[in-house]
Amino acid sequence: MAVFGLPGGSELIIVLLIVLVLFGPSQLPKLAKMFGKSAKALREGMEGTTDDEEDEKPVAKAEKKAAKASESEGAEPGDE
């Protein structure tokens, strides 16, 4: 009996029995498949946010290089 944790064995069995009564045995595989797809999408979404942050860094570096190159091209050798 965990006070601040996940439900224990007896609580989990009770929840599963309630779900079985509410949805019936024919709907359980569909619910499990839907839950699995949702968990996969959530996991991919979480990984996607870290990938997006990493992808932005090279773009920012390329923009800085392009800005420096355009500044150096526009400047004449004696224009300081």
Protein backbone atom coordinates (compact mmCIF):
# COMPACT_ATOMS: atom_id res chain seq x y z
CA MET A 1 0.00 0.00 0.00
CA ALA A 2 1.92 2.98 -1.30
CA VAL A 3 0.76 6.34 -0.04
CA PHE A 4 2.50 8.51 -2.65
CA GLY A 5 3.32 5.97 -5.36
CA LEU A 6 1.67 3.92 -8.03
CA PRO A 7 -1.27 1.72 -7.12
CA GLY A 8 -0.37 -1.63 -5.66
CA GLY A 9 -1.51 -5.10 -6.73
CA SER A 10 -5.01 -5.07 -5.28
CA GLU A 11 -5.75 -1.54 -6.48
CA LEU A 12 -4.54 -2.40 -9.97
CA ILE A 13 -6.76 -5.49 -10.11
CA ILE A 14 -9.79 -3.45 -9.03
CA VAL A 15 -9.12 -0.82 -11.71
CA LEU A 16 -8.71 -3.51 -14.39
CA LEU A 17 -11.99 -5.16 -13.34
CA ILE A 18 -13.81 -1.83 -13.54
CA VAL A 19 -12.39 -1.22 -17.03
CA LEU A 20 -13.45 -4.72 -18.07
CA VAL A 21 -17.00 -4.14 -16.83
CA LEU A 22 -17.27 -0.71 -18.45
CA PHE A 23 -15.88 -1.56 -21.88
CA GLY A 24 -16.37 -5.30 -22.17
CA PRO A 25 -13.89 -7.92 -23.35
CA SER A 26 -14.36 -7.11 -27.05
CA GLN A 27 -13.23 -3.49 -26.63
CA LEU A 28 -10.12 -4.15 -24.50
CA PRO A 29 -7.77 -4.97 -27.41
CA LYS A 30 -8.87 -1.80 -29.21
CA LEU A 31 -8.30 0.27 -26.07
CA ALA A 32 -4.86 -1.28 -25.54
CA LYS A 33 -3.89 -0.58 -29.16
CA MET A 34 -5.11 3.01 -28.89
CA PHE A 35 -3.22 3.49 -25.61
CA GLY A 36 -0.04 2.07 -27.17
CA LYS A 37 -0.29 4.41 -30.18
CA SER A 38 -0.83 7.37 -27.87
CA ALA A 39 2.18 6.44 -25.75
CA LYS A 40 4.33 6.02 -28.88
CA ALA A 41 3.22 9.40 -30.25
CA LEU A 42 3.96 11.05 -26.92
CA ARG A 43 7.41 9.46 -26.78
CA GLU A 44 8.17 10.52 -30.38
CA GLY A 45 6.92 14.01 -29.62
CA MET A 46 9.20 14.28 -26.60
CA GLU A 47 12.16 13.10 -28.67
CA GLY A 48 11.17 15.49 -31.46
CA THR A 49 11.46 18.53 -29.20
CA THR A 50 15.04 17.72 -28.34
CA ASP A 51 15.83 17.02 -32.01
CA ASP A 52 14.31 20.34 -33.06
CA GLU A 53 16.52 22.21 -30.59
CA GLU A 54 19.61 20.48 -31.95
CA ASP A 55 18.55 21.21 -35.55
CA GLU A 56 18.25 24.94 -34.86
CA LYS A 57 21.88 25.31 -33.77
CA PRO A 58 23.47 24.59 -37.18
CA VAL A 59 20.98 26.91 -38.86
CA ALA A 60 21.85 29.73 -36.48
CA LYS A 61 25.57 29.14 -37.08
CA ALA A 62 25.04 29.20 -40.85
CA GLU A 63 23.07 32.46 -40.59
CA LYS A 64 25.85 34.06 -38.53
CA LYS A 65 28.46 32.96 -41.09
CA ALA A 66 26.35 34.37 -43.92
CA ALA A 67 25.93 37.68 -42.09
CA LYS A 68 29.67 37.94 -41.48
CA ALA A 69 30.39 37.09 -45.12
CA SER A 70 27.96 39.74 -46.39
CA GLU A 71 29.47 42.34 -44.06
CA SER A 72 32.98 41.55 -45.20
CA GLU A 73 31.97 41.67 -48.88
CA GLY A 74 30.29 45.05 -48.51
CA ALA A 75 33.24 46.64 -46.71
CA GLU A 76 36.05 48.19 -48.76
CA PRO A 77 39.64 47.76 -47.50
CA GLY A 78 40.04 51.44 -46.58
CA ASP A 79 36.46 52.22 -45.36
CA GLU A 80 36.93 51.82 -41.62
